[in-house]
Amino acid sequence: MKPGFIVMFLLFSISRVYSQQKDEPVKVVEFSGKVVYEDDKGNPAPLPYTNVSVKGTNRGAYTEFDGFFALVALAGETVVFSRIGYQTVEVKIPEKLIADRYTWVQIMTEDNYLLPEAVIMPWPSKEHFKQEFLAIDISNELRENAMANLADEKLKEIRYSVPSDGRETSSLVLKQQATDYVYTGQTRPMNVFNPIAWKNFIDAWRRGDFKKKK
């Protein structure tokens, strides 16, 4: 009787300890889900390249082309969803979680910046503008300057000297971030073995892109 009683007592103690551990809140969780937005037709669509970061830390991730994301967080932490052109959203992970996974679907809303209307006029009134405009003498010199500014060489020079606007800059930053995330933890491919890169180099050399400009 004693061995059987001891075995039953051990099994009861183990099951009780396991149930207590199972009911305790989990500290580290896998926070994953999907980020979507409302398209032109009013349907939910995935929103790629959305920054998903844990507030106050350097931990985070970004959404893929299908809007999916996954990161490791602690119970009670706040996760921030941000993207250029959309309102920033903060989501707090519940402090008491039994499971070690927490799934979330975030709907992002476009953020429109409305600036007050500004009317800039170099003349006191529309009547003065009309008089000055009709009195303008478009000489041949002005026409020649306009044609020179529209020449291919001049436009090419302006194309590489004028800085990018906000839309172009944000697009370049998002593409660079996507490239960095793709090659995280591994060696990037070397273009010295890329035949397409060699072709582009030879074409640029033939065009004279590497010649010194006067």
N, C-alpha and C. Protein backbone atom coordinates (compact mmCIF):
# COMPACT_ATOMS: atom_id res chain seq x y z
N MET A 1 0.82 -1.21 0.00
CA MET A 1 0.00 0.00 0.00
C MET A 1 0.85 1.26 0.00
N LYS A 2 1.98 1.22 0.69
CA LYS A 2 2.81 2.41 0.78
C LYS A 2 3.40 2.81 -0.57
N PRO A 3 3.98 1.89 -1.36
CA PRO A 3 4.50 2.32 -2.68
C PRO A 3 3.42 2.90 -3.57
N GLY A 4 2.24 2.31 -3.60
CA GLY A 4 1.17 2.85 -4.44
C GLY A 4 0.72 4.22 -3.97
N PHE A 5 0.66 4.40 -2.66
CA PHE A 5 0.27 5.71 -2.13
C PHE A 5 1.31 6.77 -2.47
N ILE A 6 2.58 6.40 -2.41
CA ILE A 6 3.65 7.37 -2.73
C ILE A 6 3.58 7.77 -4.20
N VAL A 7 3.34 6.79 -5.09
CA VAL A 7 3.26 7.09 -6.52
C VAL A 7 2.08 8.02 -6.81
N MET A 8 0.94 7.77 -6.20
CA MET A 8 -0.22 8.61 -6.41
C MET A 8 0.03 10.03 -5.88
N PHE A 9 0.72 10.12 -4.75
CA PHE A 9 1.02 11.44 -4.17
C PHE A 9 1.96 12.24 -5.08
N LEU A 10 2.97 11.57 -5.68
CA LEU A 10 3.90 12.25 -6.58
C LEU A 10 3.19 12.73 -7.84
N LEU A 11 2.34 11.88 -8.42
CA LEU A 11 1.60 12.27 -9.62
C LEU A 11 0.68 13.45 -9.33
N PHE A 12 0.04 13.47 -8.18
CA PHE A 12 -0.84 14.58 -7.82
C PHE A 12 -0.04 15.87 -7.64
N SER A 13 1.13 15.77 -7.04
CA SER A 13 1.96 16.96 -6.81
C SER A 13 2.46 17.53 -8.13
N ILE A 14 2.90 16.62 -9.06
CA ILE A 14 3.41 17.08 -10.35
C ILE A 14 2.32 17.76 -11.16
N SER A 15 1.13 17.18 -11.20
CA SER A 15 0.02 17.77 -11.94
C SER A 15 -0.38 19.11 -11.34
N ARG A 16 -0.30 19.24 -10.02
CA ARG A 16 -0.66 20.51 -9.37
C ARG A 16 0.36 21.60 -9.71
N VAL A 17 1.64 21.26 -9.69
CA VAL A 17 2.67 22.23 -10.04
C VAL A 17 2.55 22.64 -11.50
N TYR A 18 2.28 21.67 -12.40
CA TYR A 18 2.13 21.96 -13.82
C TYR A 18 0.95 22.88 -14.08
N SER A 19 -0.16 22.63 -13.38
CA SER A 19 -1.34 23.49 -13.57
C SER A 19 -1.07 24.90 -13.06
N GLN A 20 -0.31 25.04 -11.96
CA GLN A 20 0.02 26.37 -11.47
C GLN A 20 0.91 27.12 -12.44
N GLN A 21 1.90 26.41 -13.02
CA GLN A 21 2.76 27.05 -13.99
C GLN A 21 2.00 27.43 -15.26
N LYS A 22 1.04 26.63 -15.63
CA LYS A 22 0.27 26.90 -16.84
C LYS A 22 -0.61 28.13 -16.68
N ASP A 23 -1.12 28.35 -15.44
CA ASP A 23 -1.99 29.48 -15.20
C ASP A 23 -1.24 30.78 -14.98
N GLU A 24 0.08 30.73 -14.79
CA GLU A 24 0.84 31.95 -14.57
C GLU A 24 0.95 32.75 -15.87
N PRO A 25 0.94 34.07 -15.78
CA PRO A 25 1.05 34.90 -16.99
C PRO A 25 2.38 34.70 -17.69
N VAL A 26 2.35 34.73 -19.02
CA VAL A 26 3.55 34.58 -19.82
C VAL A 26 4.20 35.95 -19.99
N LYS A 27 5.51 36.04 -19.81
CA LYS A 27 6.21 37.32 -19.89
C LYS A 27 6.61 37.65 -21.33
N VAL A 28 7.20 36.70 -22.04
CA VAL A 28 7.66 36.92 -23.42
C VAL A 28 6.65 36.34 -24.39
N VAL A 29 6.21 37.14 -25.36
CA VAL A 29 5.20 36.70 -26.31
C VAL A 29 5.67 37.00 -27.73
N GLU A 30 5.14 36.24 -28.67
CA GLU A 30 5.37 36.50 -30.10
C GLU A 30 4.20 37.33 -30.61
N PHE A 31 4.47 38.59 -30.86
CA PHE A 31 3.44 39.53 -31.32
C PHE A 31 3.47 39.55 -32.85
N SER A 32 2.42 39.08 -33.47
CA SER A 32 2.37 39.00 -34.92
C SER A 32 0.98 39.40 -35.39
N GLY A 33 0.88 39.62 -36.69
CA GLY A 33 -0.41 39.99 -37.25
C GLY A 33 -0.28 40.57 -38.64
N LYS A 34 -1.20 41.45 -38.97
CA LYS A 34 -1.25 42.01 -40.32
C LYS A 34 -1.69 43.47 -40.24
N VAL A 35 -1.10 44.28 -41.13
CA VAL A 35 -1.44 45.70 -41.22
C VAL A 35 -2.12 45.93 -42.57
N VAL A 36 -3.29 46.56 -42.52
CA VAL A 36 -4.07 46.80 -43.74
C VAL A 36 -4.51 48.26 -43.76
N TYR A 37 -5.02 48.67 -44.93
CA TYR A 37 -5.59 50.00 -45.11
C TYR A 37 -6.77 49.88 -46.06
N GLU A 38 -7.55 50.93 -46.16
CA GLU A 38 -8.73 50.94 -47.02
C GLU A 38 -8.35 51.47 -48.40
N ASP A 39 -8.52 50.65 -49.43
CA ASP A 39 -8.15 51.06 -50.78
C ASP A 39 -9.23 51.95 -51.39
N ASP A 40 -9.08 52.26 -52.67
CA ASP A 40 -10.02 53.16 -53.35
C ASP A 40 -11.43 52.60 -53.42
N LYS A 41 -11.55 51.28 -53.42
CA LYS A 41 -12.86 50.64 -53.50
C LYS A 41 -13.48 50.39 -52.13
N GLY A 42 -12.77 50.77 -51.07
CA GLY A 42 -13.30 50.56 -49.73
C GLY A 42 -13.02 49.20 -49.16
N ASN A 43 -12.16 48.43 -49.81
CA ASN A 43 -11.83 47.09 -49.33
C ASN A 43 -10.50 47.10 -48.59
N PRO A 44 -10.32 46.23 -47.59
CA PRO A 44 -9.04 46.17 -46.88
C PRO A 44 -7.95 45.60 -47.79
N ALA A 45 -6.79 46.24 -47.79
CA ALA A 45 -5.66 45.81 -48.60
C ALA A 45 -4.40 45.84 -47.74
N PRO A 46 -3.46 44.92 -47.96
CA PRO A 46 -2.23 44.90 -47.15
C PRO A 46 -1.40 46.16 -47.35
N LEU A 47 -0.76 46.59 -46.29
CA LEU A 47 0.06 47.81 -46.32
C LEU A 47 1.51 47.42 -46.02
N PRO A 48 2.35 47.29 -47.04
CA PRO A 48 3.75 46.90 -46.79
C PRO A 48 4.59 48.05 -46.28
N TYR A 49 5.80 47.71 -45.81
CA TYR A 49 6.80 48.68 -45.36
C TYR A 49 6.29 49.57 -44.22
N THR A 50 5.43 49.02 -43.37
CA THR A 50 4.99 49.75 -42.18
C THR A 50 5.91 49.40 -41.02
N ASN A 51 6.40 50.40 -40.32
CA ASN A 51 7.29 50.19 -39.19
C ASN A 51 6.48 49.75 -37.98
N VAL A 52 6.89 48.63 -37.39
CA VAL A 52 6.27 48.09 -36.18
C VAL A 52 7.37 47.98 -35.13
N SER A 53 7.36 48.85 -34.15
CA SER A 53 8.45 48.90 -33.18
C SER A 53 7.88 48.92 -31.77
N VAL A 54 8.70 48.41 -30.84
CA VAL A 54 8.34 48.43 -29.42
C VAL A 54 8.76 49.78 -28.84
N LYS A 55 7.83 50.48 -28.26
CA LYS A 55 8.08 51.83 -27.76
C LYS A 55 9.14 51.82 -26.66
N GLY A 56 10.13 52.72 -26.80
CA GLY A 56 11.18 52.83 -25.81
C GLY A 56 12.31 51.85 -25.94
N THR A 57 12.30 51.02 -27.00
CA THR A 57 13.37 50.04 -27.21
C THR A 57 13.82 50.14 -28.67
N ASN A 58 14.86 49.35 -28.98
CA ASN A 58 15.34 49.27 -30.36
C ASN A 58 14.86 48.00 -31.06
N ARG A 59 13.86 47.36 -30.50
CA ARG A 59 13.29 46.16 -31.11
C ARG A 59 12.13 46.53 -32.02
N GLY A 60 12.06 45.86 -33.16
CA GLY A 60 10.97 46.14 -34.08
C GLY A 60 11.09 45.33 -35.35
N ALA A 61 10.19 45.59 -36.27
CA ALA A 61 10.16 44.89 -37.55
C ALA A 61 9.42 45.79 -38.54
N TYR A 62 9.19 45.26 -39.73
CA TYR A 62 8.42 45.98 -40.75
C TYR A 62 7.54 44.97 -41.46
N THR A 63 6.44 45.45 -42.01
CA THR A 63 5.51 44.56 -42.69
C THR A 63 6.02 44.20 -44.08
N GLU A 64 5.74 42.98 -44.48
CA GLU A 64 6.14 42.50 -45.80
C GLU A 64 5.10 42.93 -46.84
N PHE A 65 5.24 42.39 -48.06
CA PHE A 65 4.34 42.80 -49.14
C PHE A 65 2.89 42.43 -48.84
N ASP A 66 2.68 41.35 -48.08
CA ASP A 66 1.32 40.95 -47.73
C ASP A 66 0.84 41.58 -46.44
N GLY A 67 1.62 42.54 -45.88
CA GLY A 67 1.21 43.21 -44.65
C GLY A 67 1.50 42.46 -43.37
N PHE A 68 2.16 41.29 -43.45
CA PHE A 68 2.40 40.47 -42.26
C PHE A 68 3.63 40.97 -41.51
N PHE A 69 3.60 40.86 -40.19
CA PHE A 69 4.74 41.22 -39.35
C PHE A 69 4.80 40.25 -38.17
N ALA A 70 5.97 40.17 -37.56
CA ALA A 70 6.17 39.32 -36.38
C ALA A 70 7.38 39.84 -35.62
N LEU A 71 7.25 39.94 -34.31
CA LEU A 71 8.36 40.37 -33.46
C LEU A 71 8.17 39.80 -32.06
N VAL A 72 9.23 39.87 -31.27
CA VAL A 72 9.21 39.39 -29.89
C VAL A 72 9.03 40.59 -28.97
N ALA A 73 8.08 40.50 -28.05
CA ALA A 73 7.79 41.59 -27.13
C ALA A 73 7.49 41.01 -25.75
N LEU A 74 7.38 41.90 -24.80
CA LEU A 74 7.05 41.53 -23.43
C LEU A 74 5.62 41.95 -23.12
N ALA A 75 5.00 41.20 -22.25
CA ALA A 75 3.64 41.54 -21.84
C ALA A 75 3.61 42.90 -21.17
N GLY A 76 2.68 43.74 -21.58
CA GLY A 76 2.57 45.08 -21.03
C GLY A 76 3.28 46.15 -21.83
N GLU A 77 4.09 45.77 -22.81
CA GLU A 77 4.78 46.76 -23.63
C GLU A 77 3.84 47.37 -24.67
N THR A 78 4.24 48.53 -25.19
CA THR A 78 3.45 49.26 -26.19
C THR A 78 4.12 49.15 -27.54
N VAL A 79 3.37 48.74 -28.55
CA VAL A 79 3.87 48.59 -29.92
C VAL A 79 3.34 49.76 -30.75
N VAL A 80 4.24 50.38 -31.53
CA VAL A 80 3.91 51.56 -32.32
C VAL A 80 3.90 51.18 -33.80
N PHE A 81 2.80 51.50 -34.49
CA PHE A 81 2.67 51.31 -35.93
C PHE A 81 2.79 52.69 -36.58
N SER A 82 3.76 52.83 -37.49
CA SER A 82 3.97 54.13 -38.13
C SER A 82 4.37 53.92 -39.58
N ARG A 83 3.94 54.85 -40.42
CA ARG A 83 4.29 54.86 -41.83
C ARG A 83 4.03 56.26 -42.38
N ILE A 84 4.87 56.68 -43.32
CA ILE A 84 4.72 58.01 -43.89
C ILE A 84 3.39 58.10 -44.63
N GLY A 85 2.63 59.14 -44.32
CA GLY A 85 1.32 59.34 -44.94
C GLY A 85 0.17 58.72 -44.18
N TYR A 86 0.46 58.08 -43.02
CA TYR A 86 -0.60 57.44 -42.23
C TYR A 86 -0.45 57.85 -40.77
N GLN A 87 -1.56 57.82 -40.06
CA GLN A 87 -1.54 58.19 -38.66
C GLN A 87 -0.85 57.12 -37.82
N THR A 88 -0.04 57.55 -36.87
CA THR A 88 0.67 56.64 -35.99
C THR A 88 -0.28 56.08 -34.94
N VAL A 89 -0.19 54.77 -34.71
CA VAL A 89 -1.09 54.08 -33.78
C VAL A 89 -0.24 53.34 -32.76
N GLU A 90 -0.65 53.39 -31.50
CA GLU A 90 0.01 52.68 -30.41
C GLU A 90 -0.94 51.62 -29.85
N VAL A 91 -0.41 50.41 -29.68
CA VAL A 91 -1.20 49.28 -29.16
C VAL A 91 -0.44 48.68 -27.98
N LYS A 92 -1.12 48.52 -26.86
CA LYS A 92 -0.50 47.94 -25.67
C LYS A 92 -0.84 46.46 -25.56
N ILE A 93 0.18 45.66 -25.38
CA ILE A 93 -0.02 44.22 -25.22
C ILE A 93 -0.54 43.95 -23.81
N PRO A 94 -1.57 43.13 -23.66
CA PRO A 94 -2.09 42.86 -22.31
C PRO A 94 -1.02 42.28 -21.40
N GLU A 95 -1.08 42.66 -20.13
CA GLU A 95 -0.08 42.18 -19.18
C GLU A 95 -0.33 40.75 -18.74
N LYS A 96 -1.56 40.32 -18.74
CA LYS A 96 -1.88 38.96 -18.32
C LYS A 96 -2.26 38.14 -19.54
N LEU A 97 -1.32 37.34 -19.99
CA LEU A 97 -1.53 36.45 -21.13
C LEU A 97 -1.16 35.03 -20.73
N ILE A 98 -2.01 34.10 -21.06
CA ILE A 98 -1.72 32.70 -20.78
C ILE A 98 -0.89 32.08 -21.90
N ALA A 99 -1.24 32.42 -23.15
CA ALA A 99 -0.51 31.89 -24.31
C ALA A 99 0.73 32.73 -24.56
N ASP A 100 1.68 32.14 -25.27
CA ASP A 100 2.93 32.83 -25.60
C ASP A 100 2.85 33.51 -26.96
N ARG A 101 1.65 33.64 -27.55
CA ARG A 101 1.46 34.30 -28.83
C ARG A 101 0.28 35.26 -28.73
N TYR A 102 0.44 36.39 -29.43
CA TYR A 102 -0.62 37.40 -29.43
C TYR A 102 -0.75 37.94 -30.85
N THR A 103 -1.92 37.80 -31.44
CA THR A 103 -2.17 38.19 -32.83
C THR A 103 -2.98 39.47 -32.87
N TRP A 104 -2.62 40.35 -33.85
CA TRP A 104 -3.28 41.65 -33.94
C TRP A 104 -3.41 42.06 -35.40
N VAL A 105 -4.56 42.64 -35.75
CA VAL A 105 -4.79 43.20 -37.08
C VAL A 105 -4.98 44.70 -36.93
N GLN A 106 -4.09 45.46 -37.55
CA GLN A 106 -4.12 46.91 -37.41
C GLN A 106 -4.57 47.56 -38.72
N ILE A 107 -5.57 48.44 -38.64
CA ILE A 107 -6.06 49.20 -39.79
C ILE A 107 -5.46 50.61 -39.72
N MET A 108 -4.69 50.98 -40.72
CA MET A 108 -4.05 52.28 -40.76
C MET A 108 -4.94 53.28 -41.51
N THR A 109 -4.95 54.52 -41.02
CA THR A 109 -5.76 55.59 -41.60
C THR A 109 -4.84 56.64 -42.20
N GLU A 110 -5.17 57.08 -43.40
CA GLU A 110 -4.35 58.09 -44.06
C GLU A 110 -4.38 59.39 -43.27
N ASP A 111 -3.22 60.05 -43.27
CA ASP A 111 -3.07 61.30 -42.54
C ASP A 111 -2.88 62.42 -43.55
N ASN A 112 -3.84 63.33 -43.63
CA ASN A 112 -3.79 64.45 -44.57
C ASN A 112 -3.40 65.72 -43.84
N TYR A 113 -2.41 66.39 -44.39
CA TYR A 113 -1.96 67.65 -43.83
C TYR A 113 -2.59 68.80 -44.63
N LEU A 114 -3.46 69.56 -44.01
CA LEU A 114 -4.13 70.67 -44.66
C LEU A 114 -3.45 71.97 -44.24
N LEU A 115 -2.91 72.68 -45.21
CA LEU A 115 -2.27 73.95 -44.96
C LEU A 115 -3.21 75.09 -45.30
N PRO A 116 -3.14 76.18 -44.60
CA PRO A 116 -4.02 77.32 -44.93
C PRO A 116 -3.68 77.89 -46.29
N GLU A 117 -4.71 78.38 -46.96
CA GLU A 117 -4.53 78.93 -48.30
C GLU A 117 -3.71 80.21 -48.25
N ALA A 118 -2.75 80.32 -49.16
CA ALA A 118 -1.90 81.50 -49.24
C ALA A 118 -1.90 82.00 -50.68
N VAL A 119 -2.26 83.25 -50.87
CA VAL A 119 -2.30 83.87 -52.19
C VAL A 119 -1.16 84.90 -52.25
N ILE A 120 -0.19 84.65 -53.13
CA ILE A 120 0.97 85.52 -53.28
C ILE A 120 0.82 86.30 -54.57
N MET A 121 0.78 87.61 -54.47
CA MET A 121 0.63 88.46 -55.64
C MET A 121 1.69 89.56 -55.59
N PRO A 122 2.50 89.70 -56.66
CA PRO A 122 3.52 90.76 -56.67
C PRO A 122 2.95 92.14 -56.98
N TRP A 123 1.70 92.17 -57.35
CA TRP A 123 1.08 93.46 -57.67
C TRP A 123 -0.03 93.74 -56.67
N PRO A 124 -0.35 95.00 -56.45
CA PRO A 124 -1.38 95.34 -55.44
C PRO A 124 -2.75 94.77 -55.76
N SER A 125 -3.09 94.66 -57.04
CA SER A 125 -4.43 94.21 -57.41
C SER A 125 -4.37 93.49 -58.76
N LYS A 126 -5.50 92.85 -59.13
CA LYS A 126 -5.57 92.15 -60.41
C LYS A 126 -5.49 93.12 -61.58
N GLU A 127 -5.99 94.34 -61.40
CA GLU A 127 -5.93 95.32 -62.49
C GLU A 127 -4.49 95.70 -62.80
N HIS A 128 -3.66 95.89 -61.76
CA HIS A 128 -2.25 96.20 -61.99
C HIS A 128 -1.53 95.02 -62.65
N PHE A 129 -1.89 93.81 -62.25
CA PHE A 129 -1.27 92.64 -62.86
C PHE A 129 -1.63 92.55 -64.35
N LYS A 130 -2.88 92.83 -64.67
CA LYS A 130 -3.30 92.79 -66.07
C LYS A 130 -2.56 93.82 -66.91
N GLN A 131 -2.36 95.02 -66.37
CA GLN A 131 -1.64 96.05 -67.11
C GLN A 131 -0.17 95.66 -67.32
N GLU A 132 0.46 95.15 -66.29
CA GLU A 132 1.86 94.77 -66.41
C GLU A 132 2.04 93.56 -67.33
N PHE A 133 1.09 92.64 -67.27
CA PHE A 133 1.20 91.44 -68.11
C PHE A 133 1.07 91.79 -69.59
N LEU A 134 0.13 92.68 -69.91
CA LEU A 134 -0.05 93.07 -71.31
C LEU A 134 1.10 93.93 -71.82
N ALA A 135 1.82 94.57 -70.91
CA ALA A 135 2.93 95.43 -71.32
C ALA A 135 4.26 94.68 -71.43
N ILE A 136 4.25 93.38 -71.14
CA ILE A 136 5.50 92.62 -71.21
C ILE A 136 5.95 92.50 -72.66
N ASP A 137 7.23 92.77 -72.89
CA ASP A 137 7.81 92.67 -74.23
C ASP A 137 8.69 91.42 -74.27
N ILE A 138 8.20 90.40 -74.94
CA ILE A 138 8.95 89.14 -75.06
C ILE A 138 9.91 89.28 -76.23
N SER A 139 11.15 89.58 -75.92
CA SER A 139 12.14 89.80 -76.96
C SER A 139 12.74 88.48 -77.41
N ASN A 140 13.56 88.54 -78.46
CA ASN A 140 14.23 87.33 -78.94
C ASN A 140 15.21 86.77 -77.92
N GLU A 141 15.79 87.65 -77.12
CA GLU A 141 16.74 87.19 -76.10
C GLU A 141 16.05 86.30 -75.08
N LEU A 142 14.85 86.67 -74.68
CA LEU A 142 14.10 85.84 -73.74
C LEU A 142 13.73 84.49 -74.35
N ARG A 143 13.36 84.50 -75.64
CA ARG A 143 13.05 83.24 -76.31
C ARG A 143 14.28 82.34 -76.39
N GLU A 144 15.43 82.93 -76.69
CA GLU A 144 16.66 82.14 -76.76
C GLU A 144 17.03 81.55 -75.40
N ASN A 145 16.86 82.33 -74.36
CA ASN A 145 17.15 81.81 -73.02
C ASN A 145 16.20 80.67 -72.65
N ALA A 146 14.93 80.81 -73.03
CA ALA A 146 13.97 79.74 -72.74
C ALA A 146 14.31 78.47 -73.49
N MET A 147 14.69 78.58 -74.77
CA MET A 147 15.08 77.41 -75.55
C MET A 147 16.35 76.77 -75.00
N ALA A 148 17.29 77.61 -74.53
CA ALA A 148 18.53 77.06 -73.96
C ALA A 148 18.26 76.30 -72.67
N ASN A 149 17.32 76.80 -71.88
CA ASN A 149 16.99 76.10 -70.63
C ASN A 149 16.25 74.79 -70.89
N LEU A 150 15.60 74.67 -72.04
CA LEU A 150 14.88 73.44 -72.38
C LEU A 150 15.72 72.48 -73.21
N ALA A 151 16.99 72.77 -73.42
CA ALA A 151 17.86 71.87 -74.18
C ALA A 151 18.11 70.59 -73.40
N ASP A 152 18.45 69.54 -74.12
CA ASP A 152 18.65 68.23 -73.48
C ASP A 152 19.80 68.26 -72.47
N GLU A 153 20.91 68.92 -72.83
CA GLU A 153 22.04 68.97 -71.91
C GLU A 153 21.70 69.75 -70.64
N LYS A 154 20.97 70.84 -70.80
CA LYS A 154 20.59 71.62 -69.62
C LYS A 154 19.62 70.85 -68.73
N LEU A 155 18.66 70.17 -69.34
CA LEU A 155 17.71 69.37 -68.56
C LEU A 155 18.41 68.22 -67.85
N LYS A 156 19.40 67.61 -68.51
CA LYS A 156 20.16 66.53 -67.87
C LYS A 156 20.95 67.05 -66.68
N GLU A 157 21.52 68.23 -66.82
CA GLU A 157 22.26 68.83 -65.70
C GLU A 157 21.34 69.15 -64.53
N ILE A 158 20.17 69.69 -64.84
CA ILE A 158 19.22 70.01 -63.78
C ILE A 158 18.70 68.74 -63.11
N ARG A 159 18.54 67.68 -63.90
CA ARG A 159 18.01 66.43 -63.35
C ARG A 159 18.89 65.87 -62.23
N TYR A 160 20.20 66.03 -62.35
CA TYR A 160 21.11 65.50 -61.34
C TYR A 160 21.49 66.52 -60.27
N SER A 161 21.12 67.78 -60.44
CA SER A 161 21.48 68.80 -59.46
C SER A 161 20.31 69.20 -58.57
N VAL A 162 19.08 69.07 -59.07
CA VAL A 162 17.92 69.45 -58.27
C VAL A 162 17.66 68.37 -57.22
N PRO A 163 17.51 68.73 -55.95
CA PRO A 163 17.28 67.72 -54.91
C PRO A 163 15.91 67.05 -55.06
N SER A 164 15.80 65.86 -54.51
CA SER A 164 14.55 65.09 -54.59
C SER A 164 13.51 65.71 -53.68
N ASP A 165 12.24 65.55 -54.07
CA ASP A 165 11.16 66.05 -53.23
C ASP A 165 10.82 65.02 -52.16
N GLY A 166 9.78 65.32 -51.38
CA GLY A 166 9.42 64.43 -50.27
C GLY A 166 9.00 63.04 -50.71
N ARG A 167 8.23 62.95 -51.78
CA ARG A 167 7.75 61.65 -52.25
C ARG A 167 8.91 60.78 -52.74
N GLU A 168 9.82 61.38 -53.52
CA GLU A 168 10.97 60.62 -54.02
C GLU A 168 11.90 60.19 -52.88
N THR A 169 12.11 61.09 -51.91
CA THR A 169 12.98 60.75 -50.79
C THR A 169 12.40 59.63 -49.95
N SER A 170 11.11 59.69 -49.65
CA SER A 170 10.49 58.62 -48.86
C SER A 170 10.51 57.30 -49.60
N SER A 171 10.32 57.32 -50.92
CA SER A 171 10.39 56.08 -51.69
C SER A 171 11.79 55.48 -51.66
N LEU A 172 12.82 56.33 -51.78
CA LEU A 172 14.19 55.82 -51.71
C LEU A 172 14.51 55.24 -50.34
N VAL A 173 14.03 55.91 -49.28
CA VAL A 173 14.29 55.42 -47.93
C VAL A 173 13.61 54.08 -47.70
N LEU A 174 12.36 53.93 -48.15
CA LEU A 174 11.65 52.66 -47.98
C LEU A 174 12.33 51.53 -48.76
N LYS A 175 12.80 51.82 -49.98
CA LYS A 175 13.49 50.80 -50.75
C LYS A 175 14.81 50.40 -50.09
N GLN A 176 15.53 51.38 -49.52
CA GLN A 176 16.79 51.08 -48.85
C GLN A 176 16.55 50.25 -47.60
N GLN A 177 15.49 50.59 -46.84
CA GLN A 177 15.16 49.79 -45.66
C GLN A 177 14.77 48.37 -46.04
N ALA A 178 14.01 48.22 -47.11
CA ALA A 178 13.62 46.88 -47.55
C ALA A 178 14.85 46.06 -47.94
N THR A 179 15.80 46.69 -48.64
CA THR A 179 17.03 45.99 -49.03
C THR A 179 17.85 45.59 -47.81
N ASP A 180 17.94 46.49 -46.82
CA ASP A 180 18.70 46.18 -45.61
C ASP A 180 18.06 45.03 -44.84
N TYR A 181 16.73 45.00 -44.77
CA TYR A 181 16.06 43.92 -44.06
C TYR A 181 16.23 42.58 -44.77
N VAL A 182 16.27 42.60 -46.10
CA VAL A 182 16.40 41.35 -46.86
C VAL A 182 17.74 40.69 -46.58
N TYR A 183 18.81 41.49 -46.52
CA TYR A 183 20.15 40.94 -46.34
C TYR A 183 20.62 41.01 -44.90
N THR A 184 19.70 41.14 -43.94
CA THR A 184 20.10 41.16 -42.54
C THR A 184 20.62 39.79 -42.11
N GLY A 185 21.81 39.78 -41.52
CA GLY A 185 22.40 38.53 -41.05
C GLY A 185 23.11 37.72 -42.10
N GLN A 186 23.28 38.23 -43.30
CA GLN A 186 23.96 37.49 -44.35
C GLN A 186 24.77 38.45 -45.21
N THR A 187 25.66 37.88 -45.99
CA THR A 187 26.53 38.68 -46.84
C THR A 187 25.80 39.08 -48.12
N ARG A 188 25.90 40.33 -48.47
CA ARG A 188 25.23 40.79 -49.68
C ARG A 188 25.96 40.26 -50.91
N PRO A 189 25.21 40.03 -51.99
CA PRO A 189 25.87 39.56 -53.23
C PRO A 189 26.78 40.62 -53.81
N MET A 190 27.92 40.18 -54.34
CA MET A 190 28.90 41.09 -54.91
C MET A 190 28.61 41.29 -56.39
N ASN A 191 28.55 42.57 -56.80
CA ASN A 191 28.24 42.88 -58.19
C ASN A 191 29.39 42.53 -59.14
N VAL A 192 30.56 42.20 -58.59
CA VAL A 192 31.67 41.85 -59.47
C VAL A 192 31.39 40.56 -60.22
N PHE A 193 30.49 39.75 -59.69
CA PHE A 193 30.10 38.51 -60.37
C PHE A 193 28.75 38.62 -61.07
N ASN A 194 28.22 39.84 -61.15
CA ASN A 194 26.91 40.06 -61.75
C ASN A 194 27.09 40.52 -63.20
N PRO A 195 26.68 39.72 -64.19
CA PRO A 195 26.86 40.13 -65.58
C PRO A 195 26.05 41.37 -65.95
N ILE A 196 24.89 41.56 -65.32
CA ILE A 196 24.08 42.75 -65.62
C ILE A 196 24.80 44.01 -65.15
N ALA A 197 25.45 43.94 -63.97
CA ALA A 197 26.20 45.09 -63.47
C ALA A 197 27.37 45.42 -64.40
N TRP A 198 28.03 44.38 -64.93
CA TRP A 198 29.13 44.62 -65.87
C TRP A 198 28.62 45.28 -67.15
N LYS A 199 27.45 44.84 -67.63
CA LYS A 199 26.87 45.44 -68.83
C LYS A 199 26.55 46.91 -68.61
N ASN A 200 25.95 47.24 -67.44
CA ASN A 200 25.65 48.64 -67.14
C ASN A 200 26.92 49.48 -67.05
N PHE A 201 27.98 48.89 -66.50
CA PHE A 201 29.25 49.62 -66.38
C PHE A 201 29.84 49.90 -67.76
N ILE A 202 29.80 48.89 -68.66
CA ILE A 202 30.36 49.08 -70.00
C ILE A 202 29.54 50.10 -70.79
N ASP A 203 28.21 50.05 -70.64
CA ASP A 203 27.37 51.02 -71.34
C ASP A 203 27.63 52.45 -70.84
N ALA A 204 27.80 52.59 -69.51
CA ALA A 204 28.10 53.92 -68.97
C ALA A 204 29.47 54.41 -69.42
N TRP A 205 30.43 53.50 -69.54
CA TRP A 205 31.77 53.88 -70.00
C TRP A 205 31.74 54.32 -71.47
N ARG A 206 30.94 53.63 -72.28
CA ARG A 206 30.82 54.01 -73.69
C ARG A 206 30.12 55.36 -73.85
N ARG A 207 29.15 55.62 -72.98
CA ARG A 207 28.45 56.91 -73.07
C ARG A 207 29.30 58.08 -72.58
N GLY A 208 30.36 57.76 -71.88
CA GLY A 208 31.23 58.83 -71.36
C GLY A 208 30.78 59.39 -70.04
N ASP A 209 30.06 58.58 -69.24
CA ASP A 209 29.59 59.09 -67.96
C ASP A 209 30.72 59.32 -66.97
N PHE A 210 31.88 58.67 -67.16
CA PHE A 210 32.97 58.79 -66.22
C PHE A 210 33.98 59.87 -66.62
N LYS A 211 33.70 60.60 -67.69
CA LYS A 211 34.62 61.66 -68.10
C LYS A 211 34.47 62.86 -67.15
N LYS A 212 35.55 63.54 -66.96
CA LYS A 212 35.54 64.72 -66.09
C LYS A 212 34.81 65.86 -66.78
N LYS A 213 33.93 66.49 -66.01
CA LYS A 213 33.17 67.60 -66.55
C LYS A 213 33.96 68.89 -66.38
N LYS A 214 33.88 69.75 -67.37
CA LYS A 214 34.59 71.02 -67.31
C LYS A 214 33.90 71.97 -66.34
